[in-house]
Amino acid sequence: MVDITGKSEVYREAMARGSIHLREQTIELIKRGKVEKGDPLYTAKIAGILAAKNTSSLIPLCHPIPLTNVDLDAKIVGDSTIDVEATVKTRAQTGVEMEALVSCAAALLTIWDMTKQYEKDQDGQYPYTLIRDIRVTRKVKDRNR
């Protein structure tokens, strides 16, 4: 673990984004509220928040950080894509990039899990389903906040 004892607490924020590609038929089921397991977008939001709060338990040597806010937005874009954006905030001695990335990834995996029965082909494979482009898109460190 990196020693952050001497660092002062400052406002920090990180945003991560990613997307999942699904079959058009699956997107239609989501839009109509017909996914058997429930609403994947709402459940993804809860999963992303829980994941951010548990990041230090999942990533070795990651500091536990007192989070002040986690916001997750999951929205359908186009005929076959859902975009997820996670924003995590804190006043701490180290940044929240990992929390934002874990939040985004967990939300996307939750969407996959909730829709996998519609995504499988005749052989039980997932030739259309793809999680991609998970990345940090914004980082803020502001001593004046």
Protein backbone atom coordinates (compact mmCIF):
# COMPACT_ATOMS: atom_id res chain seq x y z
CA MET A 1 0.00 0.00 0.00
CA VAL A 2 1.27 3.50 -0.74
CA ASP A 3 1.77 5.60 2.40
CA ILE A 4 -0.56 8.62 2.22
CA THR A 5 -0.18 9.59 5.88
CA GLY A 6 1.45 12.93 5.08
CA LYS A 7 -1.04 13.96 2.41
CA SER A 8 -3.81 16.41 3.27
CA GLU A 9 -7.47 15.75 2.58
CA VAL A 10 -8.75 17.58 -0.49
CA TYR A 11 -11.86 17.40 -2.67
CA ARG A 12 -11.50 14.70 -5.30
CA GLU A 13 -13.79 13.50 -8.03
CA ALA A 14 -13.50 10.94 -10.81
CA MET A 15 -15.78 9.95 -13.63
CA ALA A 16 -15.62 6.68 -15.55
CA ARG A 17 -17.58 5.59 -18.59
CA GLY A 18 -18.15 2.38 -20.47
CA SER A 19 -20.76 0.68 -22.61
CA ILE A 20 -22.38 -2.66 -23.31
CA HIS A 21 -23.54 -3.80 -26.72
CA LEU A 22 -26.66 -5.98 -26.70
CA ARG A 23 -28.99 -7.42 -29.31
CA GLU A 24 -31.62 -4.96 -30.53
CA GLN A 25 -34.31 -7.35 -29.28
CA THR A 26 -32.83 -7.19 -25.78
CA ILE A 27 -32.82 -3.39 -25.82
CA GLU A 28 -36.51 -3.49 -26.81
CA LEU A 29 -37.27 -5.76 -23.84
CA ILE A 30 -35.54 -3.29 -21.52
CA LYS A 31 -37.46 -0.35 -23.00
CA ARG A 32 -40.77 -2.17 -22.55
CA GLY A 33 -39.99 -3.31 -19.01
CA LYS A 34 -40.15 -6.97 -20.03
CA VAL A 35 -36.83 -8.27 -18.66
CA GLU A 36 -37.72 -11.19 -16.40
CA LYS A 37 -35.16 -10.32 -13.70
CA GLY A 38 -36.37 -6.71 -13.45
CA ASP A 39 -35.10 -3.33 -14.61
CA PRO A 40 -31.43 -3.71 -15.62
CA LEU A 41 -30.78 0.06 -15.66
CA TYR A 42 -32.09 0.63 -12.14
CA THR A 43 -30.37 -2.46 -10.77
CA ALA A 44 -27.11 -1.42 -12.46
CA LYS A 45 -27.25 1.88 -10.60
CA ILE A 46 -27.55 0.12 -7.24
CA ALA A 47 -24.78 -2.34 -8.17
CA GLY A 48 -22.48 0.50 -9.22
CA ILE A 49 -22.99 2.38 -5.96
CA LEU A 50 -22.36 -0.75 -3.88
CA ALA A 51 -19.27 -1.59 -5.92
CA ALA A 52 -17.77 1.88 -5.45
CA LYS A 53 -18.27 1.57 -1.69
CA ASN A 54 -16.48 -1.80 -1.67
CA THR A 55 -13.60 -1.07 -4.03
CA SER A 56 -10.87 -1.49 -1.41
CA SER A 57 -12.19 -5.00 -0.73
CA LEU A 58 -11.92 -5.91 -4.42
CA ILE A 59 -8.68 -4.25 -5.53
CA PRO A 60 -5.56 -5.30 -3.62
CA LEU A 61 -3.66 -2.43 -1.94
CA CYS A 62 -6.43 0.08 -2.71
CA HIS A 63 -7.07 2.46 0.19
CA PRO A 64 -10.53 2.45 1.78
CA ILE A 65 -11.90 5.93 1.13
CA PRO A 66 -14.87 7.68 2.76
CA LEU A 67 -17.06 8.44 -0.25
CA THR A 68 -19.29 11.50 -0.10
CA ASN A 69 -21.26 10.74 -3.26
CA VAL A 70 -21.63 8.09 -5.95
CA ASP A 71 -23.81 8.84 -8.95
CA LEU A 72 -24.39 6.37 -11.74
CA ASP A 73 -26.27 6.97 -14.97
CA ALA A 74 -27.18 4.11 -17.31
CA LYS A 75 -28.94 5.02 -20.52
CA ILE A 76 -29.86 3.40 -23.79
CA VAL A 77 -28.19 4.99 -26.79
CA GLY A 78 -29.07 3.84 -30.27
CA ASP A 79 -30.57 0.46 -31.04
CA SER A 80 -28.05 -1.78 -29.33
CA THR A 81 -25.96 0.08 -26.75
CA ILE A 82 -26.24 1.10 -23.12
CA ASP A 83 -23.80 3.70 -21.83
CA VAL A 84 -22.87 3.83 -18.16
CA GLU A 85 -21.27 6.82 -16.45
CA ALA A 86 -20.15 6.69 -12.82
CA THR A 87 -19.11 9.75 -10.83
CA VAL A 88 -17.52 9.37 -7.42
CA LYS A 89 -16.69 12.18 -4.97
CA THR A 90 -14.78 12.43 -1.69
CA ARG A 91 -12.67 14.60 0.57
CA ALA A 92 -9.68 12.37 1.10
CA GLN A 93 -5.94 11.91 0.88
CA THR A 94 -6.07 9.94 -2.36
CA GLY A 95 -8.15 9.87 -5.52
CA VAL A 96 -11.28 7.96 -6.46
CA GLU A 97 -10.43 6.76 -9.97
CA MET A 98 -10.54 3.10 -8.96
CA GLU A 99 -13.92 3.58 -7.29
CA ALA A 100 -15.34 5.14 -10.45
CA LEU A 101 -13.93 2.37 -12.65
CA VAL A 102 -15.18 -0.41 -10.37
CA SER A 103 -18.60 1.26 -10.18
CA CYS A 104 -18.86 1.46 -13.96
CA ALA A 105 -17.65 -2.12 -14.48
CA ALA A 106 -20.03 -3.57 -11.88
CA ALA A 107 -22.97 -1.71 -13.42
CA LEU A 108 -22.13 -3.05 -16.88
CA LEU A 109 -21.69 -6.59 -15.57
CA THR A 110 -25.05 -6.32 -13.81
CA ILE A 111 -26.74 -5.38 -17.08
CA TRP A 112 -25.07 -8.38 -18.74
CA ASP A 113 -26.21 -10.69 -15.95
CA MET A 114 -29.80 -9.46 -16.05
CA THR A 115 -30.07 -9.82 -19.83
CA LYS A 116 -27.90 -12.87 -20.53
CA GLN A 117 -30.87 -15.18 -21.11
CA TYR A 118 -31.83 -13.02 -24.12
CA GLU A 119 -28.28 -12.66 -25.40
CA LYS A 120 -27.32 -16.34 -25.77
CA ASP A 121 -27.31 -17.94 -29.18
CA GLN A 122 -28.46 -21.53 -29.91
CA ASP A 123 -25.14 -22.85 -28.57
CA GLY A 124 -25.37 -20.89 -25.31
CA GLN A 125 -22.68 -18.42 -26.39
CA TYR A 126 -22.69 -14.60 -26.39
CA PRO A 127 -21.63 -13.58 -29.90
CA TYR A 128 -23.27 -10.12 -29.71
CA THR A 129 -22.72 -9.08 -26.12
CA LEU A 130 -19.70 -6.86 -25.54
CA ILE A 131 -18.56 -4.61 -22.72
CA ARG A 132 -16.15 -2.01 -24.00
CA ASP A 133 -14.29 1.23 -23.48
CA ILE A 134 -14.28 1.38 -19.69
CA ARG A 135 -12.08 4.36 -18.89
CA VAL A 136 -11.61 7.36 -16.62
CA THR A 137 -12.97 10.38 -18.46
CA ARG A 138 -12.51 13.04 -15.79
CA LYS A 139 -10.48 13.57 -12.65
CA VAL A 140 -10.66 16.54 -10.27
CA LYS A 141 -8.40 17.49 -7.39
CA ASP A 142 -9.38 20.83 -5.89
CA ARG A 143 -7.75 22.17 -2.74
CA ASN A 144 -10.18 25.14 -2.66
CA ARG A 145 -13.38 23.09 -2.33
